[in-house]
Amino acid sequence: FIGLAFVLFLLVGSNYAQSVKMNEIFARGTAADLDWIELYNSSAADIDISGYKIYDSAGNLDATKKMLIPSGTVLPAKGFYVITTDIDKTLNGFGLSSSGEDVWLEDNTGTVIDNLKFL
C-alpha cells in the first residue's frame, strides 16, 4: 500500500498519564485516501470515548473547530480507533498539514489528554 509509505510517525510525545493516546498520523492524504489519526487504548479495559475531541492549531484557537467523537464510540482494550480528518468541514472536520503541526486530544470533560507534534 503506497499510502503507508507516507505515514508520519509521531516525533514528539506527551507526558499525560492516560490510556488513550494518539498512536499514528497520516498527513499526506488525497481525495481518495484522506488524512487520519489513529488512537490506541493501552489499557486492559474498553474505554468509552464518546464526547472526546481532537483538533489542530485552528481548533486550539477556536472551540468550534474541534472534531467531536460520536456518542457510543468505544475504544476496545488494547485496540485502535481511526479518525478521518478530511471530512466535511461543516461537521468540524479538519485537515492535517503535510508540513507538520500540533494535534491535541481532549477527553469528554475538556481535559487535554494527549498532544503531539508531527513533522
Protein backbone atom coordinates (compact mmCIF):
# COMPACT_ATOMS: atom_id res chain seq x y z
CA PHE A 1 0.00 0.00 0.00
CA ILE A 2 1.72 3.14 -1.25
CA GLY A 3 -0.05 5.48 1.17
CA LEU A 4 1.59 3.82 4.12
CA ALA A 5 4.96 4.91 2.81
CA PHE A 6 3.92 8.43 3.72
CA VAL A 7 2.75 7.69 7.23
CA LEU A 8 4.41 10.14 9.54
CA PHE A 9 5.41 8.66 12.83
CA LEU A 10 4.92 10.86 15.83
CA LEU A 11 8.07 12.69 16.71
CA VAL A 12 7.19 14.40 19.94
CA GLY A 13 5.01 12.72 22.56
CA SER A 14 3.40 13.93 25.72
CA ASN A 15 3.65 13.09 29.38
CA TYR A 16 -0.08 12.67 30.05
CA ALA A 17 -0.87 9.62 32.18
CA GLN A 18 -3.86 8.41 30.16
CA SER A 19 -4.69 5.11 28.50
CA VAL A 20 -5.95 6.70 25.26
CA LYS A 21 -3.16 8.12 23.09
CA MET A 22 -2.69 9.29 19.54
CA ASN A 23 -0.68 6.47 18.05
CA GLU A 24 -0.11 7.28 14.39
CA ILE A 25 -0.85 10.12 11.99
CA PHE A 26 -1.21 10.10 8.19
CA ALA A 27 -0.98 13.65 6.85
CA ARG A 28 -0.32 13.13 3.15
CA GLY A 29 -3.90 12.42 2.18
CA THR A 30 -5.54 12.75 -1.20
CA ALA A 31 -9.19 12.87 -2.26
CA ALA A 32 -9.13 9.05 -2.45
CA ASP A 33 -7.05 8.46 0.72
CA LEU A 34 -7.87 11.08 3.35
CA ASP A 35 -5.76 12.21 6.32
CA TRP A 36 -6.29 10.25 9.52
CA ILE A 37 -5.27 9.94 13.17
CA GLU A 38 -5.16 6.60 14.96
CA LEU A 39 -5.98 6.38 18.68
CA TYR A 40 -4.74 3.50 20.83
CA ASN A 41 -6.11 2.20 24.14
CA SER A 42 -3.19 0.84 26.16
CA SER A 43 -5.39 -0.42 29.00
CA ALA A 44 -6.89 -3.88 29.54
CA ALA A 45 -10.44 -2.43 29.59
CA ASP A 46 -12.69 -0.93 26.92
CA ILE A 47 -12.94 2.88 27.12
CA ASP A 48 -15.98 4.90 26.05
CA ILE A 49 -14.51 7.83 24.09
CA SER A 50 -17.89 9.46 23.38
CA GLY A 51 -17.51 13.22 23.53
CA TYR A 52 -13.73 13.23 23.17
CA LYS A 53 -12.46 15.96 20.83
CA ILE A 54 -9.47 16.13 18.53
CA TYR A 55 -8.13 19.26 16.89
CA ASP A 56 -5.18 21.00 15.28
CA SER A 57 -3.91 24.57 15.67
CA ALA A 58 -7.15 26.11 14.36
CA GLY A 59 -9.14 24.20 16.98
CA ASN A 60 -6.75 25.34 19.68
CA LEU A 61 -7.78 28.91 18.84
CA ASP A 62 -11.49 28.29 18.18
CA ALA A 63 -13.55 25.70 20.10
CA THR A 64 -15.95 25.33 17.15
CA LYS A 65 -13.14 23.79 15.09
CA LYS A 66 -12.77 20.75 17.36
CA MET A 67 -13.84 17.41 15.90
CA LEU A 68 -16.23 15.58 18.24
CA ILE A 69 -16.07 11.79 18.55
CA PRO A 70 -19.65 10.49 18.28
CA SER A 71 -21.74 9.19 21.15
CA GLY A 72 -21.50 5.42 21.62
CA THR A 73 -17.89 5.17 20.42
CA VAL A 74 -15.96 2.58 22.41
CA LEU A 75 -12.23 2.02 22.05
CA PRO A 76 -11.60 -1.67 22.82
CA ALA A 77 -8.93 -2.81 25.26
CA LYS A 78 -5.54 -2.79 23.52
CA GLY A 79 -7.44 -1.65 20.42
CA PHE A 80 -7.32 1.11 17.84
CA TYR A 81 -9.78 3.70 16.52
CA VAL A 82 -9.11 5.69 13.32
CA ILE A 83 -10.42 9.23 12.89
CA THR A 84 -10.61 10.53 9.33
CA THR A 85 -9.87 14.24 9.48
CA ASP A 86 -10.54 15.49 5.93
CA ILE A 87 -14.28 15.02 6.12
CA ASP A 88 -16.98 17.65 5.61
CA LYS A 89 -15.59 20.77 7.31
CA THR A 90 -19.12 21.81 8.32
CA LEU A 91 -19.10 18.82 10.69
CA ASN A 92 -15.97 20.20 12.41
CA GLY A 93 -13.60 18.11 10.36
CA PHE A 94 -10.14 19.41 9.68
CA GLY A 95 -7.17 18.51 7.57
CA LEU A 96 -3.65 17.82 8.73
CA SER A 97 -0.86 19.92 7.29
CA SER A 98 1.59 17.81 5.31
CA SER A 99 4.32 20.17 6.52
CA GLY A 100 3.59 19.28 10.17
CA GLU A 101 1.71 20.80 13.08
CA ASP A 102 0.43 20.16 16.61
CA VAL A 103 -2.62 18.00 17.33
CA TRP A 104 -4.49 17.77 20.65
CA LEU A 105 -6.88 15.17 22.10
CA GLU A 106 -9.34 16.10 24.87
CA ASP A 107 -11.43 13.74 26.95
CA ASN A 108 -15.17 14.31 27.43
CA THR A 109 -14.54 16.75 30.30
CA GLY A 110 -12.43 19.04 28.11
CA THR A 111 -9.12 17.99 29.67
CA VAL A 112 -6.24 17.61 27.21
CA ILE A 113 -5.04 14.01 27.50
CA ASP A 114 -2.57 13.93 24.63
CA ASN A 115 -0.71 16.42 22.45
CA LEU A 116 1.63 15.61 19.61
CA LYS A 117 3.74 17.47 17.12
CA PHE A 118 4.43 15.78 13.81
CA LEU A 119 6.73 16.89 11.03
